[in-house]
Amino acid sequence: MIEMQKPVICIFDNIFLLTGDQQLKIKFNPQVNNYSHVVSESLTQTIGSKYPFIRRNGNVDYRTFSLSGTISVFMDIR
């Protein structure tokens, strides 16, 4: 752990959705809901079902969430 003499506060004002060559800015009312950590596991029953095996299927470690907000778009008239 590194101790900073002068801490810096970062403020992230906007959220961007990127698709190929397009960029959408979620500027107004951004809300992140239902944040969850995903781990892939499987259960293997043994004979007698007294001590089952629990396995993790690969190195799955990602998060899922739903995002809501208002997308603002400004376009030139051609």
N, C-alpha and C. Protein backbone atom coordinates (compact mmCIF):
# COMPACT_ATOMS: atom_id res chain seq x y z
N MET A 1 0.84 -1.17 0.00
CA MET A 1 0.00 0.00 0.00
C MET A 1 0.88 1.23 0.00
N ILE A 2 0.54 2.20 -0.84
CA ILE A 2 1.33 3.42 -0.96
C ILE A 2 0.58 4.56 -0.30
N GLU A 3 1.25 5.26 0.57
CA GLU A 3 0.63 6.41 1.24
C GLU A 3 0.92 7.65 0.42
N MET A 4 -0.12 8.41 0.11
CA MET A 4 0.03 9.63 -0.68
C MET A 4 0.12 10.83 0.25
N GLN A 5 1.04 11.74 -0.05
CA GLN A 5 1.17 12.96 0.75
C GLN A 5 0.03 13.93 0.47
N LYS A 6 -0.35 14.06 -0.82
CA LYS A 6 -1.44 14.94 -1.22
C LYS A 6 -2.46 14.12 -2.00
N PRO A 7 -3.50 13.62 -1.33
CA PRO A 7 -4.50 12.80 -2.04
C PRO A 7 -5.22 13.59 -3.13
N VAL A 8 -5.60 12.88 -4.20
CA VAL A 8 -6.30 13.48 -5.31
C VAL A 8 -7.68 12.86 -5.39
N ILE A 9 -8.72 13.68 -5.51
CA ILE A 9 -10.09 13.19 -5.64
C ILE A 9 -10.48 13.25 -7.11
N CYS A 10 -10.92 12.12 -7.65
CA CYS A 10 -11.38 12.05 -9.04
C CYS A 10 -12.90 12.09 -9.07
N ILE A 11 -13.44 12.92 -9.92
CA ILE A 11 -14.89 13.01 -10.10
C ILE A 11 -15.20 12.63 -11.54
N PHE A 12 -15.96 11.55 -11.71
CA PHE A 12 -16.36 11.10 -13.03
C PHE A 12 -17.79 11.56 -13.26
N ASP A 13 -17.97 12.51 -14.19
CA ASP A 13 -19.27 13.12 -14.40
C ASP A 13 -20.15 12.37 -15.39
N ASN A 14 -19.57 11.69 -16.36
CA ASN A 14 -20.36 11.11 -17.43
C ASN A 14 -20.03 9.64 -17.64
N ILE A 15 -20.95 8.93 -18.27
CA ILE A 15 -20.77 7.54 -18.64
C ILE A 15 -20.91 7.46 -20.16
N PHE A 16 -20.02 6.72 -20.82
CA PHE A 16 -20.07 6.59 -22.26
C PHE A 16 -20.29 5.15 -22.66
N LEU A 17 -21.14 4.92 -23.65
CA LEU A 17 -21.34 3.61 -24.27
C LEU A 17 -20.67 3.65 -25.63
N LEU A 18 -19.76 2.71 -25.88
CA LEU A 18 -19.01 2.70 -27.13
C LEU A 18 -19.41 1.49 -27.97
N THR A 19 -19.72 1.74 -29.24
CA THR A 19 -20.02 0.66 -30.18
C THR A 19 -19.30 0.97 -31.49
N GLY A 20 -18.18 0.31 -31.72
CA GLY A 20 -17.45 0.52 -32.97
C GLY A 20 -16.98 1.95 -33.11
N ASP A 21 -17.58 2.69 -34.06
CA ASP A 21 -17.18 4.07 -34.30
C ASP A 21 -18.15 5.08 -33.70
N GLN A 22 -19.15 4.63 -32.96
CA GLN A 22 -20.13 5.53 -32.35
C GLN A 22 -19.93 5.59 -30.84
N GLN A 23 -20.29 6.75 -30.30
CA GLN A 23 -20.15 6.96 -28.86
C GLN A 23 -21.40 7.66 -28.36
N LEU A 24 -22.07 7.08 -27.36
CA LEU A 24 -23.25 7.67 -26.76
C LEU A 24 -22.90 8.12 -25.35
N LYS A 25 -23.32 9.33 -25.02
CA LYS A 25 -23.00 9.90 -23.71
C LYS A 25 -24.25 9.87 -22.84
N ILE A 26 -24.16 9.16 -21.70
CA ILE A 26 -25.26 9.15 -20.74
C ILE A 26 -24.95 10.25 -19.73
N LYS A 27 -25.57 11.42 -19.96
CA LYS A 27 -25.20 12.62 -19.22
C LYS A 27 -26.13 12.91 -18.05
N PHE A 28 -27.40 12.64 -18.20
CA PHE A 28 -28.38 13.03 -17.19
C PHE A 28 -28.92 11.80 -16.46
N ASN A 29 -29.01 11.86 -15.16
CA ASN A 29 -29.58 10.83 -14.30
C ASN A 29 -28.93 9.45 -14.45
N PRO A 30 -27.61 9.33 -14.44
CA PRO A 30 -27.02 7.98 -14.53
C PRO A 30 -27.21 7.21 -13.23
N GLN A 31 -27.68 5.97 -13.35
CA GLN A 31 -27.89 5.11 -12.19
C GLN A 31 -27.43 3.70 -12.52
N VAL A 32 -26.65 3.12 -11.62
CA VAL A 32 -26.21 1.73 -11.75
C VAL A 32 -26.99 0.91 -10.73
N ASN A 33 -27.69 -0.12 -11.22
CA ASN A 33 -28.54 -0.94 -10.36
C ASN A 33 -28.12 -2.41 -10.43
N ASN A 34 -28.48 -3.18 -9.44
CA ASN A 34 -28.30 -4.63 -9.42
C ASN A 34 -26.86 -5.06 -9.70
N TYR A 35 -25.91 -4.49 -9.02
CA TYR A 35 -24.50 -4.83 -9.17
C TYR A 35 -24.24 -6.18 -8.51
N SER A 36 -23.67 -7.14 -9.28
CA SER A 36 -23.40 -8.45 -8.70
C SER A 36 -22.10 -9.01 -9.25
N HIS A 37 -21.44 -9.82 -8.44
CA HIS A 37 -20.18 -10.47 -8.78
C HIS A 37 -20.51 -11.88 -9.28
N VAL A 38 -20.00 -12.27 -10.45
CA VAL A 38 -20.33 -13.55 -11.07
C VAL A 38 -19.17 -14.52 -10.93
N VAL A 39 -19.46 -15.68 -10.37
CA VAL A 39 -18.50 -16.78 -10.27
C VAL A 39 -19.22 -18.03 -10.75
N SER A 40 -18.61 -18.74 -11.71
CA SER A 40 -19.24 -19.93 -12.28
C SER A 40 -18.85 -21.16 -11.47
N GLU A 41 -19.84 -21.80 -10.86
CA GLU A 41 -19.59 -22.99 -10.06
C GLU A 41 -20.51 -24.12 -10.49
N SER A 42 -20.06 -25.35 -10.29
CA SER A 42 -20.92 -26.50 -10.57
C SER A 42 -20.86 -27.46 -9.39
N LEU A 43 -21.92 -28.21 -9.22
CA LEU A 43 -22.05 -29.16 -8.11
C LEU A 43 -22.11 -30.57 -8.69
N THR A 44 -21.23 -31.45 -8.23
CA THR A 44 -21.21 -32.84 -8.66
C THR A 44 -21.61 -33.72 -7.47
N GLN A 45 -22.73 -34.40 -7.62
CA GLN A 45 -23.22 -35.27 -6.55
C GLN A 45 -22.40 -36.56 -6.51
N THR A 46 -22.10 -37.03 -5.32
CA THR A 46 -21.38 -38.29 -5.15
C THR A 46 -22.38 -39.40 -4.80
N ILE A 47 -21.90 -40.62 -4.75
CA ILE A 47 -22.77 -41.73 -4.37
C ILE A 47 -23.18 -41.53 -2.91
N GLY A 48 -24.45 -41.52 -2.67
CA GLY A 48 -24.96 -41.29 -1.33
C GLY A 48 -25.26 -39.82 -1.06
N SER A 49 -24.76 -38.91 -1.90
CA SER A 49 -25.00 -37.46 -1.82
C SER A 49 -24.64 -36.86 -0.47
N LYS A 50 -23.69 -37.49 0.25
CA LYS A 50 -23.33 -36.96 1.56
C LYS A 50 -22.30 -35.85 1.44
N TYR A 51 -21.28 -36.04 0.59
CA TYR A 51 -20.22 -35.04 0.42
C TYR A 51 -20.08 -34.71 -1.07
N PRO A 52 -20.86 -33.77 -1.60
CA PRO A 52 -20.75 -33.42 -3.02
C PRO A 52 -19.48 -32.60 -3.30
N PHE A 53 -19.03 -32.61 -4.56
CA PHE A 53 -17.89 -31.80 -4.99
C PHE A 53 -18.42 -30.49 -5.57
N ILE A 54 -17.84 -29.38 -5.15
CA ILE A 54 -18.17 -28.07 -5.71
C ILE A 54 -16.93 -27.59 -6.46
N ARG A 55 -17.09 -27.28 -7.77
CA ARG A 55 -15.98 -26.88 -8.61
C ARG A 55 -16.25 -25.52 -9.21
N ARG A 56 -15.18 -24.78 -9.42
CA ARG A 56 -15.26 -23.53 -10.18
C ARG A 56 -14.86 -23.84 -11.61
N ASN A 57 -15.70 -23.47 -12.55
CA ASN A 57 -15.47 -23.78 -13.96
C ASN A 57 -14.64 -22.69 -14.62
N GLY A 58 -13.34 -22.79 -14.55
CA GLY A 58 -12.45 -21.81 -15.18
C GLY A 58 -12.27 -20.58 -14.32
N ASN A 59 -11.62 -19.62 -14.87
CA ASN A 59 -11.32 -18.39 -14.15
C ASN A 59 -12.34 -17.32 -14.53
N VAL A 60 -13.57 -17.50 -14.14
CA VAL A 60 -14.64 -16.54 -14.42
C VAL A 60 -14.71 -15.57 -13.26
N ASP A 61 -14.46 -14.31 -13.56
CA ASP A 61 -14.48 -13.30 -12.51
C ASP A 61 -14.89 -11.97 -13.14
N TYR A 62 -16.19 -11.76 -13.28
CA TYR A 62 -16.66 -10.51 -13.85
C TYR A 62 -17.88 -10.02 -13.09
N ARG A 63 -18.28 -8.82 -13.38
CA ARG A 63 -19.42 -8.20 -12.70
C ARG A 63 -20.52 -7.91 -13.71
N THR A 64 -21.76 -8.00 -13.26
CA THR A 64 -22.90 -7.61 -14.09
C THR A 64 -23.67 -6.53 -13.37
N PHE A 65 -24.25 -5.64 -14.17
CA PHE A 65 -25.06 -4.57 -13.59
C PHE A 65 -25.98 -4.02 -14.67
N SER A 66 -27.04 -3.38 -14.23
CA SER A 66 -27.91 -2.69 -15.18
C SER A 66 -27.67 -1.20 -15.04
N LEU A 67 -27.74 -0.51 -16.16
CA LEU A 67 -27.43 0.91 -16.23
C LEU A 67 -28.62 1.64 -16.81
N SER A 68 -29.01 2.74 -16.19
CA SER A 68 -30.10 3.54 -16.73
C SER A 68 -29.69 5.00 -16.71
N GLY A 69 -30.26 5.77 -17.61
CA GLY A 69 -29.96 7.19 -17.69
C GLY A 69 -30.55 7.77 -18.96
N THR A 70 -30.29 9.04 -19.19
CA THR A 70 -30.79 9.73 -20.37
C THR A 70 -29.64 9.92 -21.35
N ILE A 71 -29.84 9.50 -22.60
CA ILE A 71 -28.84 9.67 -23.64
C ILE A 71 -29.15 10.95 -24.38
N SER A 72 -28.18 11.86 -24.43
CA SER A 72 -28.37 13.12 -25.15
C SER A 72 -27.60 13.07 -26.46
N VAL A 73 -28.25 13.48 -27.55
CA VAL A 73 -27.63 13.43 -28.88
C VAL A 73 -27.83 14.79 -29.55
N PHE A 74 -26.76 15.34 -30.06
CA PHE A 74 -26.84 16.57 -30.84
C PHE A 74 -26.34 16.26 -32.24
N MET A 75 -27.16 16.57 -33.26
CA MET A 75 -26.79 16.25 -34.64
C MET A 75 -26.91 17.52 -35.49
N ASP A 76 -26.07 17.59 -36.50
CA ASP A 76 -26.15 18.69 -37.46
C ASP A 76 -27.16 18.34 -38.53
N ILE A 77 -27.88 19.33 -39.02
CA ILE A 77 -28.84 19.13 -40.11
C ILE A 77 -28.08 19.21 -41.42
N ARG A 78 -28.21 18.18 -42.26
CA ARG A 78 -27.49 18.17 -43.54
C ARG A 78 -28.42 18.34 -44.68
